Amino acid sequence: MSADSPCLPDKFSKRGKSMNQKDLNNLPQQLRTGTITPKGAINVICNFVAKNYPIYGLHKYDEDFRQDIILTLIEKGPKLLHMYNADYGDFFTFIYYYISTLINSRIKNRIMNKMKDNLAIEESIRSFDEKEYYYHRIDFKNFDIPKAPFARKTISPDELQQAIKTLSLKHQDKKVIILALKSSYYLTDSQIQKICKIYKIKPDYFYSMIQHCKDSIEKRTNKREKAQERRNFAYYHHKRYSRILQNLKEEEILENKYYVREQFKHKESKHRSNWNKLNKAFEQGHLYLRPTNKTVANLMGICERQVNYYINCAKKELSKTDITNTNER
């Protein structure tokens, strides 16, 4: 029988004497002297582990699990032999801890795969429930109600300026019109029509002013929509990982429970932080969609400083109203 034969040497075969810990410790010396080849040594190690699997705690697992460990030993055999250093302990101890590492890695992979499968099932069920829920909440009457009608007559800024001047608006009137233009993105049709009726403005002219303001913030509109998508994404995953962590607390996941929980804790914390940051940005007005004072000034036929003046007046009035309401309470 050749040295490269997959069968054990006679002294380690079933017909020969049983291999023991001392025999396993002699393998590195036999490799150095050429008594046995690396392939033969790996074969001996695998046979020893297969026959004495309770030593390594493999009796707690099924046959498939034990076979996976043996196959991994065969695959990583050459590297395993080069890793051994006699200065740190005997070969039997080295093999023991190496197999313990393989067992822990295999358990971790099994747990992660199980978690992914459970998560996929949970997300599928949740996705179906959410779609069904939102479908029943759809109000089809609102589908065709735009904020500003489309295909209206386009009016030049100069013509709009002239139209505003002919109205002879008072201080308070100008303030309301300027605030409306600054809030153009958020105005509804009913609000626009109400303003036109009160201040005797032709609807076509005022709609053109609103559309002109909205066109000037188109890039920021895209930026805001993307920020909303990021906020919704962060919120969804924050809630998703929160549910996973709750489920983890209820399950028994052997030694790797701590490792898995810490992974999901990190992800939940990251998404929660992103969600809070974007919410704060929305609350503080960093992502509000407002045309610049210059855009409004050009439409009104006044300078930017005047626009700023009217806005500050409105802020002061609002502040006084808040103080009065607080005192009354």
Protein backbone atom coordinates (compact mmCIF):
# COMPACT_ATOMS: atom_id res chain seq x y z
CA MET A 1 0.00 0.00 0.00
CA SER A 2 1.41 3.41 -0.99
CA ALA A 3 1.95 6.22 1.47
CA ASP A 4 -0.69 8.34 -0.35
CA SER A 5 -3.37 5.70 0.03
CA PRO A 6 -6.59 6.98 1.61
CA CYS A 7 -6.63 3.93 3.87
CA LEU A 8 -5.06 3.98 7.33
CA PRO A 9 -1.69 2.29 7.95
CA ASP A 10 -1.99 -1.15 9.55
CA LYS A 11 -1.27 0.11 13.08
CA PHE A 12 -4.28 2.49 12.78
CA SER A 13 -6.67 0.23 10.84
CA LYS A 14 -9.69 -1.45 12.30
CA ARG A 15 -7.80 -4.74 12.26
CA GLY A 16 -4.75 -3.20 14.00
CA LYS A 17 -4.60 -1.62 17.43
CA SER A 18 -6.83 1.35 18.12
CA MET A 19 -5.28 4.78 17.78
CA ASN A 20 -4.92 6.78 21.01
CA GLN A 21 -3.94 10.30 22.07
CA LYS A 22 -0.23 9.46 22.12
CA ASP A 23 -0.39 8.16 18.53
CA LEU A 24 -2.08 11.40 17.43
CA ASN A 25 0.63 13.48 19.14
CA ASN A 26 3.30 11.55 17.20
CA LEU A 27 1.90 12.60 13.80
CA PRO A 28 3.92 15.87 13.48
CA GLN A 29 7.17 13.94 14.10
CA GLN A 30 6.19 11.31 11.53
CA LEU A 31 5.51 14.08 9.01
CA ARG A 32 8.96 15.59 9.59
CA THR A 33 10.71 12.24 9.17
CA GLY A 34 8.67 11.32 6.10
CA THR A 35 7.11 8.28 7.74
CA ILE A 36 3.70 9.54 6.66
CA THR A 37 2.59 12.00 3.98
CA PRO A 38 0.34 15.04 4.65
CA LYS A 39 -2.52 13.27 2.88
CA GLY A 40 -2.07 10.20 5.03
CA ALA A 41 -1.86 12.32 8.19
CA ILE A 42 -5.15 14.07 7.38
CA ASN A 43 -6.73 10.67 6.80
CA VAL A 44 -5.52 9.49 10.22
CA ILE A 45 -6.86 12.64 11.94
CA CYS A 46 -10.26 12.30 10.28
CA ASN A 47 -10.55 8.64 11.24
CA PHE A 48 -9.59 9.43 14.83
CA VAL A 49 -12.20 12.21 15.04
CA ALA A 50 -14.88 10.03 13.41
CA LYS A 51 -14.31 7.19 15.91
CA ASN A 52 -13.85 9.40 18.97
CA TYR A 53 -16.34 12.18 18.20
CA PRO A 54 -17.71 12.34 21.82
CA ILE A 55 -14.30 13.73 22.92
CA TYR A 56 -14.98 16.85 20.83
CA GLY A 57 -18.61 17.23 21.93
CA LEU A 58 -19.90 16.06 18.54
CA HIS A 59 -22.23 13.54 20.17
CA LYS A 60 -24.62 16.45 20.80
CA TYR A 61 -25.19 16.91 17.07
CA ASP A 62 -26.66 14.76 14.32
CA GLU A 63 -24.79 12.68 11.75
CA ASP A 64 -25.01 15.37 9.05
CA PHE A 65 -23.38 17.91 11.35
CA ARG A 66 -20.52 15.49 12.17
CA GLN A 67 -20.00 14.75 8.47
CA ASP A 68 -19.77 18.49 7.74
CA ILE A 69 -17.00 18.83 10.34
CA ILE A 70 -15.08 15.88 8.86
CA LEU A 71 -15.41 17.29 5.33
CA THR A 72 -14.13 20.66 6.52
CA LEU A 73 -11.15 18.92 8.12
CA ILE A 74 -10.37 17.22 4.79
CA GLU A 75 -10.72 20.50 2.84
CA LYS A 76 -8.51 22.50 5.20
CA GLY A 77 -6.13 19.65 5.97
CA PRO A 78 -2.89 20.95 4.35
CA LYS A 79 -3.33 24.39 5.93
CA LEU A 80 -4.14 22.76 9.28
CA LEU A 81 -0.84 20.87 9.38
CA HIS A 82 1.17 24.03 8.63
CA MET A 83 -0.64 25.94 11.39
CA TYR A 84 0.53 23.62 14.17
CA ASN A 85 3.32 24.95 16.42
CA ALA A 86 4.73 22.49 18.99
CA ASP A 87 5.83 25.40 21.26
CA TYR A 88 2.19 26.09 22.17
CA GLY A 89 1.08 22.57 23.09
CA ASP A 90 0.71 19.02 21.85
CA PHE A 91 -0.99 18.05 18.60
CA PHE A 92 -4.03 16.46 20.27
CA THR A 93 -4.85 19.75 22.07
CA PHE A 94 -4.34 21.70 18.84
CA ILE A 95 -6.80 19.44 16.99
CA TYR A 96 -9.29 19.66 19.87
CA TYR A 97 -9.44 23.46 19.78
CA TYR A 98 -9.43 23.57 15.99
CA ILE A 99 -12.49 21.29 15.85
CA SER A 100 -14.17 23.38 18.59
CA THR A 101 -13.68 26.43 16.35
CA LEU A 102 -15.20 24.57 13.39
CA ILE A 103 -18.20 23.57 15.51
CA ASN A 104 -18.80 27.17 16.65
CA SER A 105 -18.51 28.48 13.07
CA ARG A 106 -20.94 25.83 11.82
CA ILE A 107 -23.45 26.66 14.59
CA LYS A 108 -23.16 30.37 13.81
CA ASN A 109 -23.79 29.76 10.11
CA ARG A 110 -26.80 27.59 10.89
CA ILE A 111 -28.25 30.27 13.18
CA MET A 112 -27.67 33.04 10.63
CA ASN A 113 -29.31 30.98 7.88
CA LYS A 114 -32.25 30.23 10.16
CA MET A 115 -32.61 33.91 11.02
CA LYS A 116 -32.53 34.88 7.33
CA ASP A 117 -35.20 32.30 6.49
CA ASN A 118 -37.42 33.46 9.37
CA LEU A 119 -36.89 37.08 8.40
CA ALA A 120 -37.76 36.40 4.75
CA ILE A 121 -41.00 34.69 5.80
CA GLU A 122 -41.86 37.46 8.28
CA GLU A 123 -41.19 40.21 5.71
CA SER A 124 -43.28 38.43 3.09
CA ILE A 125 -46.23 38.19 5.49
CA ARG A 126 -45.79 41.79 6.66
CA SER A 127 -45.45 43.08 3.09
CA PHE A 128 -48.68 41.33 2.10
CA ASP A 129 -50.52 42.69 5.17
CA GLU A 130 -49.28 46.23 4.54
CA LYS A 131 -50.27 46.17 0.86
CA GLU A 132 -53.71 44.84 1.73
CA TYR A 133 -54.12 47.44 4.48
CA TYR A 134 -53.08 50.41 2.32
CA TYR A 135 -55.10 49.16 -0.64
CA HIS A 136 -58.30 49.31 1.41
CA ARG A 137 -57.41 52.84 2.60
CA ILE A 138 -57.04 54.28 -0.92
CA ASP A 139 -59.50 57.07 -1.67
CA PHE A 140 -59.84 56.98 -5.45
CA LYS A 141 -61.65 60.32 -5.45
CA ASN A 142 -58.37 62.09 -4.71
CA PHE A 143 -56.42 60.58 -7.59
CA ASP A 144 -57.07 63.38 -10.07
CA ILE A 145 -56.70 66.41 -7.78
CA PRO A 146 -53.40 68.19 -8.51
CA LYS A 147 -52.11 71.04 -6.37
CA ALA A 148 -52.07 73.33 -9.40
CA PRO A 149 -53.90 72.60 -12.68
CA PHE A 150 -51.76 71.65 -15.64
CA ALA A 151 -51.58 73.24 -19.11
CA ARG A 152 -52.55 76.72 -17.96
CA LYS A 153 -51.67 79.79 -20.00
CA THR A 154 -48.02 80.77 -19.52
CA ILE A 155 -47.62 84.42 -18.50
CA SER A 156 -44.27 86.24 -18.50
CA PRO A 157 -42.83 87.61 -15.21
CA ASP A 158 -43.06 91.20 -16.55
CA GLU A 159 -46.76 90.79 -17.24
CA LEU A 160 -47.25 89.31 -13.77
CA GLN A 161 -45.46 92.29 -12.19
CA GLN A 162 -47.69 94.70 -14.06
CA ALA A 163 -50.80 92.80 -12.98
CA ILE A 164 -49.75 92.98 -9.31
CA LYS A 165 -49.05 96.74 -9.54
CA THR A 166 -52.50 97.46 -10.99
CA LEU A 167 -54.11 95.86 -7.91
CA SER A 168 -52.82 98.64 -5.61
CA LEU A 169 -52.30 96.20 -2.75
CA LYS A 170 -51.99 97.54 0.80
CA HIS A 171 -49.25 96.56 3.28
CA GLN A 172 -51.23 93.69 4.78
CA ASP A 173 -52.33 92.43 1.36
CA LYS A 174 -48.76 92.30 0.03
CA LYS A 175 -47.70 90.41 3.12
CA VAL A 176 -50.32 87.72 2.51
CA ILE A 177 -49.44 87.40 -1.20
CA ILE A 178 -45.70 87.12 -0.41
CA LEU A 179 -46.31 84.45 2.23
CA ALA A 180 -48.51 82.55 -0.23
CA LEU A 181 -45.78 82.64 -2.88
CA LYS A 182 -43.18 81.48 -0.33
CA SER A 183 -45.53 78.57 0.50
CA SER A 184 -46.33 77.82 -3.15
CA TYR A 185 -45.30 74.15 -2.95
CA TYR A 186 -47.80 73.45 -0.16
CA LEU A 187 -50.83 75.44 -1.42
CA THR A 188 -53.97 73.59 -2.49
CA ASP A 189 -56.38 74.60 -5.25
CA SER A 190 -58.99 75.76 -2.74
CA GLN A 191 -56.48 78.01 -0.98
CA ILE A 192 -55.29 79.51 -4.28
CA GLN A 193 -58.86 80.21 -5.36
CA LYS A 194 -59.67 81.79 -1.99
CA ILE A 195 -56.70 84.17 -2.28
CA CYS A 196 -57.74 85.10 -5.83
CA LYS A 197 -61.27 85.84 -4.68
CA ILE A 198 -60.24 87.98 -1.69
CA TYR A 199 -57.64 90.09 -3.50
CA LYS A 200 -59.36 90.23 -6.90
CA ILE A 201 -56.47 88.49 -8.69
CA LYS A 202 -57.11 86.73 -11.98
CA PRO A 203 -56.71 82.97 -11.31
CA ASP A 204 -54.59 82.46 -14.45
CA TYR A 205 -52.13 85.10 -13.26
CA PHE A 206 -51.86 83.78 -9.73
CA TYR A 207 -51.55 80.16 -10.89
CA SER A 208 -48.71 81.26 -13.18
CA MET A 209 -46.95 82.92 -10.23
CA ILE A 210 -47.36 79.77 -8.14
CA GLN A 211 -46.07 77.58 -10.96
CA HIS A 212 -43.12 79.92 -11.54
CA CYS A 213 -42.16 79.55 -7.86
CA LYS A 214 -42.55 75.77 -7.99
CA ASP A 215 -40.38 75.53 -11.10
CA SER A 216 -37.62 77.46 -9.31
CA ILE A 217 -37.40 74.81 -6.55
CA GLU A 218 -37.59 71.71 -8.76
CA LYS A 219 -34.09 70.52 -7.81
CA ARG A 220 -34.82 70.98 -4.12
CA THR A 221 -38.09 69.12 -4.60
CA ASN A 222 -36.15 66.09 -5.82
CA LYS A 223 -33.76 66.46 -2.88
CA ARG A 224 -36.65 66.54 -0.40
CA GLU A 225 -38.33 63.50 -1.96
CA LYS A 226 -35.07 61.53 -1.72
CA ALA A 227 -34.69 62.61 1.92
CA GLN A 228 -38.25 61.39 2.59
CA GLU A 229 -37.41 58.04 0.98
CA ARG A 230 -34.26 57.75 3.14
CA ARG A 231 -36.27 58.63 6.27
CA ASN A 232 -38.94 56.02 5.43
CA PHE A 233 -36.24 53.44 4.68
CA ALA A 234 -34.51 54.14 8.01
CA TYR A 235 -37.81 53.97 9.93
CA TYR A 236 -38.80 50.68 8.29
CA HIS A 237 -35.48 48.99 9.11
CA HIS A 238 -35.39 50.46 12.63
CA LYS A 239 -38.78 48.83 13.32
CA ARG A 240 -37.76 45.66 11.49
CA TYR A 241 -34.63 45.09 13.59
CA SER A 242 -36.53 46.02 16.76
CA ARG A 243 -38.96 43.17 16.05
CA ILE A 244 -36.06 40.79 15.36
CA LEU A 245 -34.42 41.69 18.69
CA GLN A 246 -37.70 41.07 20.51
CA ASN A 247 -37.95 37.63 18.90
CA LEU A 248 -34.33 36.86 19.78
CA LYS A 249 -35.02 37.42 23.46
CA GLU A 250 -37.73 34.79 23.36
CA GLU A 251 -35.65 32.11 21.61
CA GLU A 252 -32.84 29.93 22.87
CA ILE A 253 -29.92 30.25 20.44
CA LEU A 254 -27.11 28.37 22.18
CA GLU A 255 -23.70 30.04 22.57
CA ASN A 256 -24.11 32.40 19.59
CA LYS A 257 -27.15 34.20 20.98
CA TYR A 258 -25.02 37.13 22.17
CA TYR A 259 -23.15 37.48 18.84
CA VAL A 260 -26.35 37.51 16.76
CA ARG A 261 -28.11 39.95 19.08
CA GLU A 262 -25.18 42.40 19.01
CA GLN A 263 -25.18 42.37 15.21
CA PHE A 264 -28.86 43.29 15.05
CA LYS A 265 -28.49 45.82 17.86
CA HIS A 266 -25.87 47.68 15.81
CA LYS A 267 -28.09 47.72 12.71
CA GLU A 268 -31.17 48.84 14.66
CA SER A 269 -29.19 51.64 16.32
CA LYS A 270 -27.77 52.84 12.99
CA HIS A 271 -31.19 53.04 11.28
CA ARG A 272 -32.79 54.67 14.35
CA SER A 273 -30.06 57.34 14.37
CA ASN A 274 -30.57 58.07 10.64
CA TRP A 275 -34.34 58.29 11.12
CA ASN A 276 -33.98 60.73 14.03
CA LYS A 277 -31.50 62.93 12.11
CA LEU A 278 -33.79 63.23 9.10
CA ASN A 279 -36.83 63.91 11.30
CA LYS A 280 -34.89 66.69 13.02
CA ALA A 281 -33.92 68.15 9.64
CA PHE A 282 -37.58 68.24 8.60
CA GLU A 283 -38.67 69.77 11.94
CA GLN A 284 -36.03 72.52 11.77
CA GLY A 285 -37.02 73.48 8.25
CA HIS A 286 -33.79 72.47 6.51
CA LEU A 287 -35.80 70.48 3.98
CA TYR A 288 -38.72 72.87 3.48
CA LEU A 289 -39.41 73.83 -0.10
CA ARG A 290 -39.51 77.59 -0.45
CA PRO A 291 -38.65 79.81 -3.43
CA THR A 292 -35.93 82.39 -2.75
CA ASN A 293 -36.76 85.96 -1.78
CA LYS A 294 -35.26 87.03 -5.11
CA THR A 295 -37.75 84.86 -7.06
CA VAL A 296 -40.69 86.32 -5.12
CA ALA A 297 -39.31 89.85 -5.46
CA ASN A 298 -39.08 89.50 -9.26
CA LEU A 299 -42.72 88.40 -9.43
CA MET A 300 -43.95 91.16 -7.13
CA GLY A 301 -41.86 93.91 -8.77
CA ILE A 302 -40.12 94.84 -5.50
CA CYS A 303 -36.61 94.32 -4.08
CA GLU A 304 -35.44 91.40 -1.94
CA ARG A 305 -35.14 93.59 1.17
CA GLN A 306 -38.82 94.43 0.95
CA VAL A 307 -39.73 90.73 0.72
CA ASN A 308 -37.60 90.07 3.79
CA TYR A 309 -39.28 92.98 5.59
CA TYR A 310 -42.79 91.62 4.97
CA ILE A 311 -41.74 88.14 6.15
CA ASN A 312 -40.24 89.56 9.37
CA CYS A 313 -43.44 91.52 10.00
CA ALA A 314 -45.44 88.33 9.69
CA LYS A 315 -43.08 86.55 12.12
CA LYS A 316 -43.45 89.34 14.70
CA GLU A 317 -47.25 89.23 14.42
CA LEU A 318 -47.23 85.47 14.85
CA SER A 319 -44.95 85.75 17.88
CA LYS A 320 -47.27 88.33 19.49
CA THR A 321 -50.28 86.07 18.84
CA ASP A 322 -48.51 83.11 20.49
CA ILE A 323 -47.67 85.22 23.57
CA THR A 324 -51.27 86.46 23.85
CA ASN A 325 -52.65 82.91 23.58
CA THR A 326 -50.20 81.71 26.24
CA ASN A 327 -51.21 84.49 28.66
CA GLU A 328 -54.91 83.77 28.17
CA ARG A 329 -54.37 80.16 29.16
